[in-house]
PDB file of N, CA and C in Angstrom:
ATOM      1  N   MET A   1      14.521-134.682  65.699  1.00  0.00           N
ATOM      2  CA  MET A   1      13.433-134.087  65.819  1.00  0.00           C
ATOM      3  C   MET A   1      13.686-133.563  67.350  1.00  0.00           C
ATOM      4  N   LYS A   2      13.194-132.307  67.684  1.00  0.00           N
ATOM      5  CA  LYS A   2      13.309-131.659  68.986  1.00  0.00           C
ATOM      6  C   LYS A   2      12.486-132.350  69.891  1.00  0.00           C
ATOM      7  N   ARG A   3      12.800-132.386  71.352  1.00  0.00           N
ATOM      8  CA  ARG A   3      11.979-132.850  72.300  1.00  0.00           C
ATOM      9  C   ARG A   3      11.033-131.797  72.724  1.00  0.00           C
ATOM     10  N   GLN A   4      10.079-132.100  73.307  1.00  0.00           N
ATOM     11  CA  GLN A   4       9.074-131.181  73.948  1.00  0.00           C
ATOM     12  C   GLN A   4       9.982-129.898  74.739  1.00  0.00           C
ATOM     13  N   SER A   5      10.799-130.625  75.661  1.00  0.00           N
ATOM     14  CA  SER A   5      11.771-129.663  76.421  1.00  0.00           C
ATOM     15  C   SER A   5      12.680-128.765  75.689  1.00  0.00           C
ATOM     16  N   ASP A   6      12.898-129.089  74.376  1.00  0.00           N
ATOM     17  CA  ASP A   6      13.684-128.276  73.420  1.00  0.00           C
ATOM     18  C   ASP A   6      12.951-127.108  72.883  1.00  0.00           C
ATOM     19  N   ARG A   7      11.500-127.239  73.065  1.00  0.00           N
ATOM     20  CA  ARG A   7      10.894-125.928  72.347  1.00  0.00           C
ATOM     21  C   ARG A   7      10.987-124.824  73.290  1.00  0.00           C
ATOM     22  N   THR A   8      10.815-123.674  72.590  1.00  0.00           N
ATOM     23  CA  THR A   8      10.913-122.511  73.531  1.00  0.00           C
ATOM     24  C   THR A   8       9.522-121.807  73.042  1.00  0.00           C
ATOM     25  N   ASP A   9       9.198-121.309  74.406  1.00  0.00           N
ATOM     26  CA  ASP A   9       7.838-120.421  74.365  1.00  0.00           C
ATOM     27  C   ASP A   9       8.065-119.143  73.607  1.00  0.00           C
ATOM     28  N   LEU A  10       7.294-118.586  72.640  1.00  0.00           N
ATOM     29  CA  LEU A  10       7.543-117.339  71.936  1.00  0.00           C
ATOM     30  C   LEU A  10       7.259-116.139  72.843  1.00  0.00           C
ATOM     31  N   LEU A  11       8.100-114.956  72.892  1.00  0.00           N
ATOM     32  CA  LEU A  11       7.967-113.867  73.503  1.00  0.00           C
ATOM     33  C   LEU A  11       6.594-113.015  72.999  1.00  0.00           C
ATOM     34  N   ARG A  12       6.078-112.271  73.784  1.00  0.00           N
ATOM     35  CA  ARG A  12       4.939-111.465  73.084  1.00  0.00           C
ATOM     36  C   ARG A  12       5.541-110.569  72.031  1.00  0.00           C
ATOM     37  N   GLY A  13       4.637-110.725  71.127  1.00  0.00           N
ATOM     38  CA  GLY A  13       4.757-110.063  69.935  1.00  0.00           C
ATOM     39  C   GLY A  13       5.693-110.717  68.783  1.00  0.00           C
ATOM     40  N   THR A  14       6.410-111.845  69.255  1.00  0.00           N
ATOM     41  CA  THR A  14       7.451-112.458  68.282  1.00  0.00           C
ATOM     42  C   THR A  14       6.467-113.260  67.346  1.00  0.00           C
ATOM     43  N   LEU A  15       5.478-113.900  67.773  1.00  0.00           N
ATOM     44  CA  LEU A  15       4.727-114.577  66.714  1.00  0.00           C
ATOM     45  C   LEU A  15       4.395-113.701  65.835  1.00  0.00           C
ATOM     46  N   ASP A  16       3.791-112.618  65.786  1.00  0.00           N
ATOM     47  CA  ASP A  16       3.498-111.560  64.738  1.00  0.00           C
ATOM     48  C   ASP A  16       4.785-111.539  63.752  1.00  0.00           C
ATOM     49  N   LEU A  17       5.844-111.371  64.353  1.00  0.00           N
ATOM     50  CA  LEU A  17       7.192-110.868  63.454  1.00  0.00           C
ATOM     51  C   LEU A  17       7.472-112.232  62.832  1.00  0.00           C
ATOM     52  N   LEU A  18       7.313-113.338  63.367  1.00  0.00           N
ATOM     53  CA  LEU A  18       7.612-114.659  62.658  1.00  0.00           C
ATOM     54  C   LEU A  18       6.640-114.961  61.431  1.00  0.00           C
ATOM     55  N   ILE A  19       5.615-114.659  61.531  1.00  0.00           N
ATOM     56  CA  ILE A  19       4.277-114.934  60.635  1.00  0.00           C
ATOM     57  C   ILE A  19       4.518-113.755  59.468  1.00  0.00           C
ATOM     58  N   LEU A  20       4.766-112.786  59.722  1.00  0.00           N
ATOM     59  CA  LEU A  20       5.040-111.580  58.567  1.00  0.00           C
ATOM     60  C   LEU A  20       6.458-111.903  57.961  1.00  0.00           C
ATOM     61  N   ARG A  21       7.254-112.355  58.667  1.00  0.00           N
ATOM     62  CA  ARG A  21       8.577-112.717  57.970  1.00  0.00           C
ATOM     63  C   ARG A  21       8.282-113.717  57.058  1.00  0.00           C
ATOM     64  N   THR A  22       7.423-114.710  57.396  1.00  0.00           N
ATOM     65  CA  THR A  22       7.517-116.024  56.576  1.00  0.00           C
ATOM     66  C   THR A  22       6.299-115.788  55.465  1.00  0.00           C
ATOM     67  N   LEU A  23       5.706-114.670  55.704  1.00  0.00           N
ATOM     68  CA  LEU A  23       4.433-114.424  54.448  1.00  0.00           C
ATOM     69  C   LEU A  23       5.505-113.352  53.572  1.00  0.00           C
ATOM     70  N   GLU A  24       6.655-112.949  54.032  1.00  0.00           N
ATOM     71  CA  GLU A  24       7.527-111.900  53.046  1.00  0.00           C
ATOM     72  C   GLU A  24       7.978-112.792  52.116  1.00  0.00           C
ATOM     73  N   LEU A  25       7.981-113.882  52.057  1.00  0.00           N
ATOM     74  CA  LEU A  25       8.601-114.787  51.069  1.00  0.00           C
ATOM     75  C   LEU A  25       7.601-115.193  49.865  1.00  0.00           C
ATOM     76  N   ARG A  26       6.481-115.712  50.415  1.00  0.00           N
ATOM     77  CA  ARG A  26       5.302-115.975  49.457  1.00  0.00           C
ATOM     78  C   ARG A  26       4.009-116.253  50.177  1.00  0.00           C
ATOM     79  N   PRO A  27       3.039-116.175  49.543  1.00  0.00           N
ATOM     80  CA  PRO A  27       1.543-116.501  50.223  1.00  0.00           C
ATOM     81  C   PRO A  27       1.629-118.134  50.901  1.00  0.00           C
ATOM     82  N   LEU A  28       0.912-118.166  51.850  1.00  0.00           N
ATOM     83  CA  LEU A  28       0.810-119.191  52.504  1.00  0.00           C
ATOM     84  C   LEU A  28      -0.492-119.525  53.188  1.00  0.00           C
ATOM     85  N   HIS A  29      -1.048-120.953  53.594  1.00  0.00           N
ATOM     86  CA  HIS A  29      -2.218-120.929  54.356  1.00  0.00           C
ATOM     87  C   HIS A  29      -1.661-121.279  55.853  1.00  0.00           C
ATOM     88  N   GLY A  30      -2.431-121.306  56.592  1.00  0.00           N
ATOM     89  CA  GLY A  30      -2.242-121.222  58.143  1.00  0.00           C
ATOM     90  C   GLY A  30      -1.318-122.354  58.396  1.00  0.00           C
ATOM     91  N   VAL A  31      -1.642-123.554  58.233  1.00  0.00           N
ATOM     92  CA  VAL A  31      -1.016-124.755  58.646  1.00  0.00           C
ATOM     93  C   VAL A  31       0.425-124.694  57.880  1.00  0.00           C
ATOM     94  N   ALA A  32       0.569-124.195  56.635  1.00  0.00           N
ATOM     95  CA  ALA A  32       1.775-124.028  56.027  1.00  0.00           C
ATOM     96  C   ALA A  32       2.885-122.965  56.690  1.00  0.00           C
ATOM     97  N   ILE A  33       2.165-122.018  57.152  1.00  0.00           N
ATOM     98  CA  ILE A  33       2.998-120.808  58.042  1.00  0.00           C
ATOM     99  C   ILE A  33       3.402-121.729  59.178  1.00  0.00           C
ATOM    100  N   ALA A  34       2.538-122.416  59.924  1.00  0.00           N
ATOM    101  CA  ALA A  34       3.023-122.879  61.288  1.00  0.00           C
ATOM    102  C   ALA A  34       4.515-123.892  60.882  1.00  0.00           C
ATOM    103  N   GLU A  35       3.947-124.679  59.829  1.00  0.00           N
ATOM    104  CA  GLU A  35       5.218-125.619  59.161  1.00  0.00           C
ATOM    105  C   GLU A  35       6.313-125.170  58.953  1.00  0.00           C
ATOM    106  N   ARG A  36       6.348-123.787  58.175  1.00  0.00           N
ATOM    107  CA  ARG A  36       7.515-123.171  57.789  1.00  0.00           C
ATOM    108  C   ARG A  36       8.093-122.634  59.036  1.00  0.00           C
ATOM    109  N   ILE A  37       7.680-122.173  59.890  1.00  0.00           N
ATOM    110  CA  ILE A  37       8.097-121.554  61.235  1.00  0.00           C
ATOM    111  C   ILE A  37       8.803-122.771  62.016  1.00  0.00           C
ATOM    112  N   ARG A  38       8.294-123.929  61.985  1.00  0.00           N
ATOM    113  CA  ARG A  38       8.898-124.948  62.882  1.00  0.00           C
ATOM    114  C   ARG A  38      10.191-125.513  62.068  1.00  0.00           C
ATOM    115  N   GLN A  39      10.014-125.671  60.562  1.00  0.00           N
ATOM    116  CA  GLN A  39      11.280-126.012  60.005  1.00  0.00           C
ATOM    117  C   GLN A  39      12.171-125.034  60.020  1.00  0.00           C
ATOM    118  N   VAL A  40      11.928-123.743  59.822  1.00  0.00           N
ATOM    119  CA  VAL A  40      13.087-122.734  60.049  1.00  0.00           C
ATOM    120  C   VAL A  40      13.781-122.930  61.324  1.00  0.00           C
ATOM    121  N   THR A  41      13.017-123.002  62.323  1.00  0.00           N
ATOM    122  CA  THR A  41      13.606-122.873  63.591  1.00  0.00           C
ATOM    123  C   THR A  41      13.990-124.195  63.986  1.00  0.00           C
ATOM    124  N   GLN A  42      13.985-125.106  63.181  1.00  0.00           N
ATOM    125  CA  GLN A  42      14.337-126.645  63.587  1.00  0.00           C
ATOM    126  C   GLN A  42      13.567-127.064  64.829  1.00  0.00           C
ATOM    127  N   GLY A  43      12.482-126.724  64.876  1.00  0.00           N
ATOM    128  CA  GLY A  43      11.631-127.377  65.957  1.00  0.00           C
ATOM    129  C   GLY A  43      11.543-126.405  67.321  1.00  0.00           C
ATOM    130  N   THR A  44      12.246-125.419  67.538  1.00  0.00           N
ATOM    131  CA  THR A  44      12.243-124.722  68.434  1.00  0.00           C
ATOM    132  C   THR A  44      11.202-123.935  68.669  1.00  0.00           C
ATOM    133  N   PHE A  45      10.436-123.383  67.627  1.00  0.00           N
ATOM    134  CA  PHE A  45       9.015-122.970  67.870  1.00  0.00           C
ATOM    135  C   PHE A  45       8.075-123.629  67.161  1.00  0.00           C
ATOM    136  N   VAL A  46       7.045-124.352  67.671  1.00  0.00           N
ATOM    137  CA  VAL A  46       6.025-124.908  67.409  1.00  0.00           C
ATOM    138  C   VAL A  46       4.824-124.270  67.621  1.00  0.00           C
ATOM    139  N   VAL A  47       4.183-123.698  66.475  1.00  0.00           N
ATOM    140  CA  VAL A  47       3.129-122.880  66.698  1.00  0.00           C
ATOM    141  C   VAL A  47       1.757-123.643  66.566  1.00  0.00           C
ATOM    142  N   GLN A  48       1.010-123.443  67.854  1.00  0.00           N
ATOM    143  CA  GLN A  48      -0.213-124.280  67.831  1.00  0.00           C
ATOM    144  C   GLN A  48      -1.441-123.315  67.084  1.00  0.00           C
ATOM    145  N   PRO A  49      -2.359-124.119  66.716  1.00  0.00           N
ATOM    146  CA  PRO A  49      -3.489-123.328  66.116  1.00  0.00           C
ATOM    147  C   PRO A  49      -4.109-122.620  66.920  1.00  0.00           C
ATOM    148  N   GLY A  50      -4.105-122.659  68.350  1.00  0.00           N
ATOM    149  CA  GLY A  50      -4.638-121.769  69.411  1.00  0.00           C
ATOM    150  C   GLY A  50      -4.095-120.323  69.168  1.00  0.00           C
ATOM    151  N   SER A  51      -2.630-120.462  69.070  1.00  0.00           N
ATOM    152  CA  SER A  51      -2.044-119.258  68.923  1.00  0.00           C
ATOM    153  C   SER A  51      -1.897-118.768  67.610  1.00  0.00           C
ATOM    154  N   LEU A  52      -1.724-119.657  66.557  1.00  0.00           N
ATOM    155  CA  LEU A  52      -1.771-119.129  65.151  1.00  0.00           C
ATOM    156  C   LEU A  52      -2.713-118.358  64.566  1.00  0.00           C
ATOM    157  N   PHE A  53      -4.259-118.944  64.680  1.00  0.00           N
ATOM    158  CA  PHE A  53      -5.228-118.266  64.035  1.00  0.00           C
ATOM    159  C   PHE A  53      -5.754-117.195  64.566  1.00  0.00           C
ATOM    160  N   PRO A  54      -5.810-116.982  65.993  1.00  0.00           N
ATOM    161  CA  PRO A  54      -5.917-115.589  66.469  1.00  0.00           C
ATOM    162  C   PRO A  54      -4.889-114.622  65.968  1.00  0.00           C
ATOM    163  N   ALA A  55      -3.657-115.013  66.130  1.00  0.00           N
ATOM    164  CA  ALA A  55      -2.675-114.079  65.318  1.00  0.00           C
ATOM    165  C   ALA A  55      -2.924-113.691  63.852  1.00  0.00           C
ATOM    166  N   LEU A  56      -3.402-114.651  63.352  1.00  0.00           N
ATOM    167  CA  LEU A  56      -3.486-114.352  61.715  1.00  0.00           C
ATOM    168  C   LEU A  56      -4.664-113.301  61.742  1.00  0.00           C
ATOM    169  N   HIS A  57      -5.932-113.822  62.519  1.00  0.00           N
ATOM    170  CA  HIS A  57      -7.004-112.807  62.501  1.00  0.00           C
ATOM    171  C   HIS A  57      -6.610-111.397  62.855  1.00  0.00           C
ATOM    172  N   ARG A  58      -5.716-111.257  63.844  1.00  0.00           N
ATOM    173  CA  ARG A  58      -5.282-109.832  64.535  1.00  0.00           C
ATOM    174  C   ARG A  58      -4.354-109.211  63.234  1.00  0.00           C
ATOM    175  N   LEU A  59      -3.619-109.991  62.582  1.00  0.00           N
ATOM    176  CA  LEU A  59      -2.572-109.269  61.555  1.00  0.00           C
ATOM    177  C   LEU A  59      -3.675-108.800  60.359  1.00  0.00           C
ATOM    178  N   GLU A  60      -4.568-109.654  60.000  1.00  0.00           N
ATOM    179  CA  GLU A  60      -5.707-109.300  59.075  1.00  0.00           C
ATOM    180  C   GLU A  60      -6.258-108.316  59.146  1.00  0.00           C
ATOM    181  N   HIS A  61      -6.929-108.001  60.594  1.00  0.00           N
ATOM    182  CA  HIS A  61      -7.526-107.031  60.970  1.00  0.00           C
ATOM    183  C   HIS A  61      -6.747-105.668  60.908  1.00  0.00           C
ATOM    184  N   GLU A  62      -5.541-105.734  61.217  1.00  0.00           N
ATOM    185  CA  GLU A  62      -4.623-104.523  61.256  1.00  0.00           C
ATOM    186  C   GLU A  62      -4.198-104.235  59.705  1.00  0.00           C
ATOM    187  N   ALA A  63      -4.710-104.965  58.793  1.00  0.00           N
ATOM    188  CA  ALA A  63      -4.342-104.764  57.356  1.00  0.00           C
ATOM    189  C   ALA A  63      -2.964-105.156  56.971  1.00  0.00           C
ATOM    190  N   TRP A  64      -2.069-106.036  57.841  1.00  0.00           N
ATOM    191  CA  TRP A  64      -0.650-106.081  57.419  1.00  0.00           C
ATOM    192  C   TRP A  64      -0.746-107.454  56.659  1.00  0.00           C
ATOM    193  N   ILE A  65      -1.683-108.249  56.568  1.00  0.00           N
ATOM    194  CA  ILE A  65      -1.833-109.380  55.932  1.00  0.00           C
ATOM    195  C   ILE A  65      -3.405-109.364  55.113  1.00  0.00           C
ATOM    196  N   ALA A  66      -3.414-109.953  54.050  1.00  0.00           N
ATOM    197  CA  ALA A  66      -4.884-110.242  53.527  1.00  0.00           C
ATOM    198  C   ALA A  66      -5.082-111.723  53.244  1.00  0.00           C
ATOM    199  N   GLY A  67      -6.181-112.178  53.401  1.00  0.00           N
ATOM    200  CA  GLY A  67      -6.352-113.684  53.160  1.00  0.00           C
ATOM    201  C   GLY A  67      -7.562-113.675  51.977  1.00  0.00           C
ATOM    202  N   ALA A  68      -7.148-114.978  51.602  1.00  0.00           N
ATOM    203  CA  ALA A  68      -8.357-115.314  50.398  1.00  0.00           C
ATOM    204  C   ALA A  68      -8.380-116.644  50.553  1.00  0.00           C
ATOM    205  N   TRP A  69      -9.609-117.210  50.120  1.00  0.00           N
ATOM    206  CA  TRP A  69      -9.853-118.658  50.209  1.00  0.00           C
ATOM    207  C   TRP A  69      -9.550-119.253  48.792  1.00  0.00           C
ATOM    208  N   THR A  70      -8.781-120.254  48.916  1.00  0.00           N
ATOM    209  CA  THR A  70      -8.501-120.917  47.763  1.00  0.00           C
ATOM    210  C   THR A  70      -8.809-122.685  48.032  1.00  0.00           C
ATOM    211  N   THR A  71      -8.344-123.203  46.882  1.00  0.00           N
ATOM    212  CA  THR A  71      -8.362-124.655  47.039  1.00  0.00           C
ATOM    213  C   THR A  71      -6.995-125.294  46.903  1.00  0.00           C
ATOM    214  N   ASN A  72      -6.809-126.096  47.962  1.00  0.00           N
ATOM    215  CA  ASN A  72      -5.415-126.777  47.925  1.00  0.00           C
ATOM    216  C   ASN A  72      -5.099-128.000  47.073  1.00  0.00           C
ATOM    217  N   ALA A  73      -4.120-128.788  46.839  1.00  0.00           N
ATOM    218  CA  ALA A  73      -3.838-129.692  46.002  1.00  0.00           C
ATOM    219  C   ALA A  73      -4.864-130.886  46.244  1.00  0.00           C
ATOM    220  N   GLU A  74      -5.126-130.932  47.396  1.00  0.00           N
ATOM    221  CA  GLU A  74      -6.199-132.040  47.783  1.00  0.00           C
ATOM    222  C   GLU A  74      -7.756-131.510  47.804  1.00  0.00           C
ATOM    223  N   LYS A  75      -7.986-130.315  47.014  1.00  0.00           N
ATOM    224  CA  LYS A  75      -9.383-130.129  46.731  1.00  0.00           C
ATOM    225  C   LYS A  75     -10.021-129.415  48.089  1.00  0.00           C
ATOM    226  N   ARG A  76      -9.311-129.185  49.008  1.00  0.00           N
ATOM    227  CA  ARG A  76      -9.891-128.600  50.224  1.00  0.00           C
ATOM    228  C   ARG A  76      -9.749-127.125  50.261  1.00  0.00           C
ATOM    229  N   ARG A  77     -10.748-126.489  50.481  1.00  0.00           N
ATOM    230  CA  ARG A  77     -10.751-125.006  50.839  1.00  0.00           C
ATOM    231  C   ARG A  77      -9.914-124.616  51.872  1.00  0.00           C
ATOM    232  N   VAL A  78      -8.960-123.669  51.720  1.00  0.00           N
ATOM    233  CA  VAL A  78      -7.951-123.237  52.629  1.00  0.00           C
ATOM    234  C   VAL A  78      -8.031-121.650  52.466  1.00  0.00           C
ATOM    235  N   LYS A  79      -7.535-120.842  53.548  1.00  0.00           N
ATOM    236  CA  LYS A  79      -7.536-119.540  53.501  1.00  0.00           C
ATOM    237  C   LYS A  79      -5.931-119.213  53.455  1.00  0.00           C
ATOM    238  N   SER A  80      -5.434-118.779  52.410  1.00  0.00           N
ATOM    239  CA  SER A  80      -4.047-118.430  52.219  1.00  0.00           C
ATOM    240  C   SER A  80      -3.890-116.831  52.393  1.00  0.00           C
ATOM    241  N   TYR A  81      -2.649-116.596  53.078  1.00  0.00           N
ATOM    242  CA  TYR A  81      -2.245-115.058  53.426  1.00  0.00           C
ATOM    243  C   TYR A  81      -1.205-114.531  52.661  1.00  0.00           C
ATOM    244  N   ARG A  82      -1.416-113.211  52.318  1.00  0.00           N
ATOM    245  CA  ARG A  82      -0.271-112.709  51.966  1.00  0.00           C
ATOM    246  C   ARG A  82       0.154-111.652  52.678  1.00  0.00           C
ATOM    247  N   LEU A  83       1.140-110.970  52.351  1.00  0.00           N
ATOM    248  CA  LEU A  83       1.796-109.662  52.948  1.00  0.00           C
ATOM    249  C   LEU A  83       1.434-108.420  52.370  1.00  0.00           C
ATOM    250  N   THR A  84       0.809-107.591  52.866  1.00  0.00           N
ATOM    251  CA  THR A  84       0.290-106.295  52.379  1.00  0.00           C
ATOM    252  C   THR A  84       1.566-105.136  52.369  1.00  0.00           C
ATOM    253  N   ALA A  85       1.557-104.127  51.701  1.00  0.00           N
ATOM    254  CA  ALA A  85       2.373-103.234  51.540  1.00  0.00           C
ATOM    255  C   ALA A  85       2.409-102.573  53.078  1.00  0.00           C
ATOM    256  N   ALA A  86       1.290-102.573  53.666  1.00  0.00           N
ATOM    257  CA  ALA A  86       1.450-101.909  54.990  1.00  0.00           C
ATOM    258  C   ALA A  86       2.200-102.980  55.851  1.00  0.00           C
ATOM    259  N   GLY A  87       1.996-104.355  55.712  1.00  0.00           N
ATOM    260  CA  GLY A  87       2.505-105.388  56.397  1.00  0.00           C
ATOM    261  C   GLY A  87       4.190-105.358  56.058  1.00  0.00           C
ATOM    262  N   ARG A  88       4.598-105.070  54.745  1.00  0.00           N
ATOM    263  CA  ARG A  88       6.030-104.739  54.622  1.00  0.00           C
ATOM    264  C   ARG A  88       6.700-103.952  55.421  1.00  0.00           C
ATOM    265  N   ARG A  89       5.981-102.732  55.661  1.00  0.00           N
ATOM    266  CA  ARG A  89       6.474-101.472  56.158  1.00  0.00           C
ATOM    267  C   ARG A  89       6.556-101.820  57.669  1.00  0.00           C
ATOM    268  N   HIS A  90       5.459-102.454  58.214  1.00  0.00           N
ATOM    269  CA  HIS A  90       5.274-102.840  59.368  1.00  0.00           C
ATOM    270  C   HIS A  90       6.389-103.738  59.939  1.00  0.00           C
ATOM    271  N   LEU A  91       6.836-104.697  59.210  1.00  0.00           N
ATOM    272  CA  LEU A  91       7.810-105.947  59.261  1.00  0.00           C
ATOM    273  C   LEU A  91       9.102-105.009  59.308  1.00  0.00           C
ATOM    274  N   ALA A  92       9.272-103.944  58.398  1.00  0.00           N
ATOM    275  CA  ALA A  92      10.638-103.259  58.443  1.00  0.00           C
ATOM    276  C   ALA A  92      10.814-102.646  59.892  1.00  0.00           C
ATOM    277  N   VAL A  93       9.727-102.036  60.238  1.00  0.00           N
ATOM    278  CA  VAL A  93       9.918-101.284  61.695  1.00  0.00           C
ATOM    279  C   VAL A  93      10.137-102.326  62.809  1.00  0.00           C
ATOM    280  N   GLN A  94       9.370-103.507  62.665  1.00  0.00           N
ATOM    281  CA  GLN A  94       9.502-104.711  63.739  1.00  0.00           C
ATOM    282  C   GLN A  94      10.814-105.326  63.692  1.00  0.00           C
ATOM    283  N   ARG A  95      11.312-105.276  62.585  1.00  0.00           N
ATOM    284  CA  ARG A  95      12.839-105.947  62.342  1.00  0.00           C
ATOM    285  C   ARG A  95      13.793-105.152  62.932  1.00  0.00           C
ATOM    286  N   ARG A  96      13.741-103.864  62.702  1.00  0.00           N
ATOM    287  CA  ARG A  96      14.716-102.787  63.472  1.00  0.00           C
ATOM    288  C   ARG A  96      14.403-102.852  64.987  1.00  0.00           C
ATOM    289  N   GLU A  97      13.126-103.054  65.292  1.00  0.00           N
ATOM    290  CA  GLU A  97      12.899-102.998  66.802  1.00  0.00           C
ATOM    291  C   GLU A  97      13.816-104.450  67.427  1.00  0.00           C
ATOM    292  N   TRP A  98      13.544-105.729  66.745  1.00  0.00           N
ATOM    293  CA  TRP A  98      14.000-106.689  67.173  1.00  0.00           C
ATOM    294  C   TRP A  98      15.601-106.656  67.256  1.00  0.00           C
ATOM    295  N   ASP A  99      16.089-105.896  66.313  1.00  0.00           N
ATOM    296  CA  ASP A  99      17.639-106.003  66.252  1.00  0.00           C
ATOM    297  C   ASP A  99      17.992-104.856  67.501  1.00  0.00           C
ATOM    298  N   ARG A 100      17.285-104.088  67.904  1.00  0.00           N
ATOM    299  CA  ARG A 100      17.527-103.322  68.917  1.00  0.00           C
ATOM    300  C   ARG A 100      17.409-104.131  70.319  1.00  0.00           C
ATOM    301  N   ILE A 101      16.471-104.769  70.325  1.00  0.00           N
ATOM    302  CA  ILE A 101      16.131-105.662  71.580  1.00  0.00           C
ATOM    303  C   ILE A 101      17.299-106.533  71.694  1.00  0.00           C
ATOM    304  N   VAL A 102      17.789-107.372  70.671  1.00  0.00           N
ATOM    305  CA  VAL A 102      18.731-108.403  70.535  1.00  0.00           C
ATOM    306  C   VAL A 102      19.923-107.870  71.215  1.00  0.00           C
ATOM    307  N   THR A 103      20.218-106.728  70.721  1.00  0.00           N
ATOM    308  CA  THR A 103      21.468-106.000  71.008  1.00  0.00           C
ATOM    309  C   THR A 103      21.490-105.730  72.435  1.00  0.00           C
ATOM    310  N   ALA A 104      20.428-105.066  72.828  1.00  0.00           N
ATOM    311  CA  ALA A 104      20.407-104.827  74.348  1.00  0.00           C
ATOM    312  C   ALA A 104      20.379-106.054  75.172  1.00  0.00           C
ATOM    313  N   VAL A 105      19.751-107.058  75.047  1.00  0.00           N
ATOM    314  CA  VAL A 105      19.838-108.370  75.714  1.00  0.00           C
ATOM    315  C   VAL A 105      21.330-108.959  75.600  1.00  0.00           C
ATOM    316  N   ALA A 106      21.922-108.898  74.582  1.00  0.00           N
ATOM    317  CA  ALA A 106      23.219-109.273  74.354  1.00  0.00           C
ATOM    318  C   ALA A 106      24.386-108.610  75.375  1.00  0.00           C
ATOM    319  N   GLN A 107      24.039-107.241  75.216  1.00  0.00           N
ATOM    320  CA  GLN A 107      24.908-106.404  76.280  1.00  0.00           C
ATOM    321  C   GLN A 107      24.819-106.647  77.766  1.00  0.00           C
ATOM    322  N   VAL A 108      23.583-106.851  78.134  1.00  0.00           N
ATOM    323  CA  VAL A 108      23.365-107.201  79.516  1.00  0.00           C
ATOM    324  C   VAL A 108      23.926-108.675  79.624  1.00  0.00           C
ATOM    325  N   LEU A 109      23.974-109.580  79.026  1.00  0.00           N
ATOM    326  CA  LEU A 109      24.417-110.949  78.877  1.00  0.00           C
ATOM    327  C   LEU A 109      25.838-110.907  79.124  1.00  0.00           C
ATOM    328  N   GLU A 110      26.549-110.069  78.166  1.00  0.00           N
ATOM    329  CA  GLU A 110      27.975-109.957  78.104  1.00  0.00           C
ATOM    330  C   GLU A 110      28.636-109.232  79.294  1.00  0.00           C
ATOM    331  N   THR A 111      27.861-108.365  79.799  1.00  0.00           N
ATOM    332  CA  THR A 111      28.374-107.788  81.156  1.00  0.00           C
ATOM    333  C   THR A 111      28.841-108.390  81.827  1.00  0.00           C
ATOM    334  N   GLY A 112      30.055-108.104  82.748  1.00  0.00           N
ATOM    335  CA  GLY A 112      30.341-109.210  83.851  1.00  0.00           C
ATOM    336  C   GLY A 112      30.426-108.459  85.144  1.00  0.00           C
TER     337      GLY A 112
END
């Protein structure tokens, strides 16, 4: 398990990208989204509810995700989110932008 000091703060806009990518695979409720991000990043990114839920509301407002109330296995109401067609298009654009940023940062770091 990662120590607190091993965790990394998310860059502005990165959380949206991680949420959209996570929902590209299948619909999930909020806590499951955060858990999936934690699992995939091996604990490097631990998304707190105070960051996650405002991001979900923002993405839903932009119509990049759509939420629907469902009942989970424990018979509790949860809001599950799915990626919309507009969200898929936005994710594609954001992935290209992220690739451009990563390449540029790598060039700066490798320049001697």
